[in-house]
Each structure stands twice: as C-alpha cells, then as structure tokens.
Amino acid sequence: MAFVITSACQNEKSADCVSVCPVDCIEEGENMYYIDPDSCIGCGACMEVCPVEAIYEEDEIPESEKKYIEINQSFFN
C-alpha cells in the first residue's frame, strides 16, 4: 500500500482526495475515507490536496497512527 488515510480524516468529509485520484481508489466509509491498497498507484495526488493532512505514505506514518494501515486494508476485505 502506498498511501494510508489516518485519524485526522474522521468526520472530515471534504472529499478533495476523491476528486483528484486518477484510479478511483478512495472510497467513503461511515465516518472517513479509505484508500484501497490493491488499487493505489502511489501517485501522491491525494496527499497533496488533503485539507486536514490525514494521508501519509505507509512508510512515514507516525507510530500513533500505524493502526490505520490495517483499518484501511480491512475496509476493503
């Protein structure tokens, strides 16, 4: 997975990330958005437009947010 959406996205529904994703890999959940790890091409477009800075490259997620790697993956299983 190239990018992961973390806790800052909870209850934030601006959807700027969805509109710029060239492969439509971001989906809306009940209280946040999720990136499909199998579809993400790692372009970074979503990260650049996120108004709450909730999107990280998987290797750069702060320790306190690492649980969101599994949360994003689980949403698509």
Protein backbone atom coordinates (compact mmCIF):
# COMPACT_ATOMS: atom_id res chain seq x y z
CA MET A 1 0.00 0.00 0.00
CA ALA A 2 1.47 3.34 -0.95
CA PHE A 3 -0.78 5.73 0.98
CA VAL A 4 -2.96 5.46 4.09
CA ILE A 5 -5.67 7.74 5.45
CA THR A 6 -5.38 8.30 9.20
CA SER A 7 -7.39 9.65 12.16
CA ALA A 8 -7.43 13.29 11.04
CA CYS A 9 -9.93 12.23 8.38
CA GLN A 10 -12.52 11.03 10.89
CA ASN A 11 -15.68 13.08 10.47
CA GLU A 12 -13.97 15.13 7.74
CA LYS A 13 -15.90 14.74 4.52
CA SER A 14 -14.37 17.30 2.18
CA ALA A 15 -13.57 14.60 -0.42
CA ASP A 16 -10.83 16.61 -2.12
CA CYS A 17 -8.78 13.41 -2.25
CA VAL A 18 -11.50 11.51 -4.09
CA SER A 19 -11.78 14.05 -6.87
CA VAL A 20 -8.04 14.01 -7.69
CA CYS A 21 -7.40 10.26 -7.53
CA PRO A 22 -6.64 9.07 -11.09
CA VAL A 23 -7.57 5.44 -10.34
CA ASP A 24 -10.63 5.98 -8.11
CA CYS A 25 -9.15 4.00 -5.23
CA ILE A 26 -10.56 6.17 -2.43
CA GLU A 27 -13.94 5.24 -1.03
CA GLU A 28 -16.19 6.86 1.54
CA GLY A 29 -16.92 4.96 4.73
CA GLU A 30 -19.30 5.79 7.54
CA ASN A 31 -17.09 8.42 9.16
CA MET A 32 -13.97 8.76 6.98
CA TYR A 33 -12.43 7.87 3.62
CA TYR A 34 -10.27 4.84 2.85
CA ILE A 35 -7.62 4.04 0.22
CA ASP A 36 -7.85 0.66 -1.47
CA PRO A 37 -4.35 -0.82 -1.03
CA ASP A 38 -4.73 -3.02 -4.12
CA SER A 39 -5.70 -0.14 -6.42
CA CYS A 40 -3.50 2.73 -5.19
CA ILE A 41 -0.72 3.53 -7.65
CA GLY A 42 1.23 5.71 -5.22
CA CYS A 43 0.97 8.95 -7.17
CA GLY A 44 0.51 11.16 -4.09
CA ALA A 45 -2.18 13.37 -5.60
CA CYS A 46 -4.47 12.70 -2.64
CA MET A 47 -1.87 13.64 -0.07
CA GLU A 48 -1.22 16.98 -1.74
CA VAL A 49 -4.87 18.12 -1.54
CA CYS A 50 -5.94 16.73 1.83
CA PRO A 51 -7.15 19.74 3.86
CA VAL A 52 -6.50 18.03 7.21
CA GLU A 53 -3.19 16.33 6.31
CA ALA A 54 -4.60 12.87 7.10
CA ILE A 55 -2.82 11.00 4.29
CA TYR A 56 0.64 9.51 4.68
CA GLU A 57 2.93 7.26 2.74
CA GLU A 58 2.82 3.91 4.52
CA ASP A 59 6.50 4.10 5.49
CA GLU A 60 6.08 7.58 7.01
CA ILE A 61 3.00 7.13 9.21
CA PRO A 62 3.56 8.35 12.77
CA GLU A 63 3.69 5.49 15.28
CA SER A 64 0.42 6.59 16.88
CA GLU A 65 -1.37 6.27 13.50
CA LYS A 66 0.02 2.90 12.36
CA LYS A 67 -3.22 1.10 13.25
CA TYR A 68 -4.78 2.88 10.26
CA ILE A 69 -2.77 0.70 7.89
CA GLU A 70 -4.87 -2.27 8.98
CA ILE A 71 -8.05 -0.19 9.24
CA ASN A 72 -7.70 0.88 5.58
CA GLN A 73 -6.96 -2.67 4.47
CA SER A 74 -9.87 -4.11 6.47
CA PHE A 75 -12.36 -1.72 4.89
CA PHE A 76 -11.78 -3.41 1.51
CA ASN A 77 -11.90 -7.04 2.77
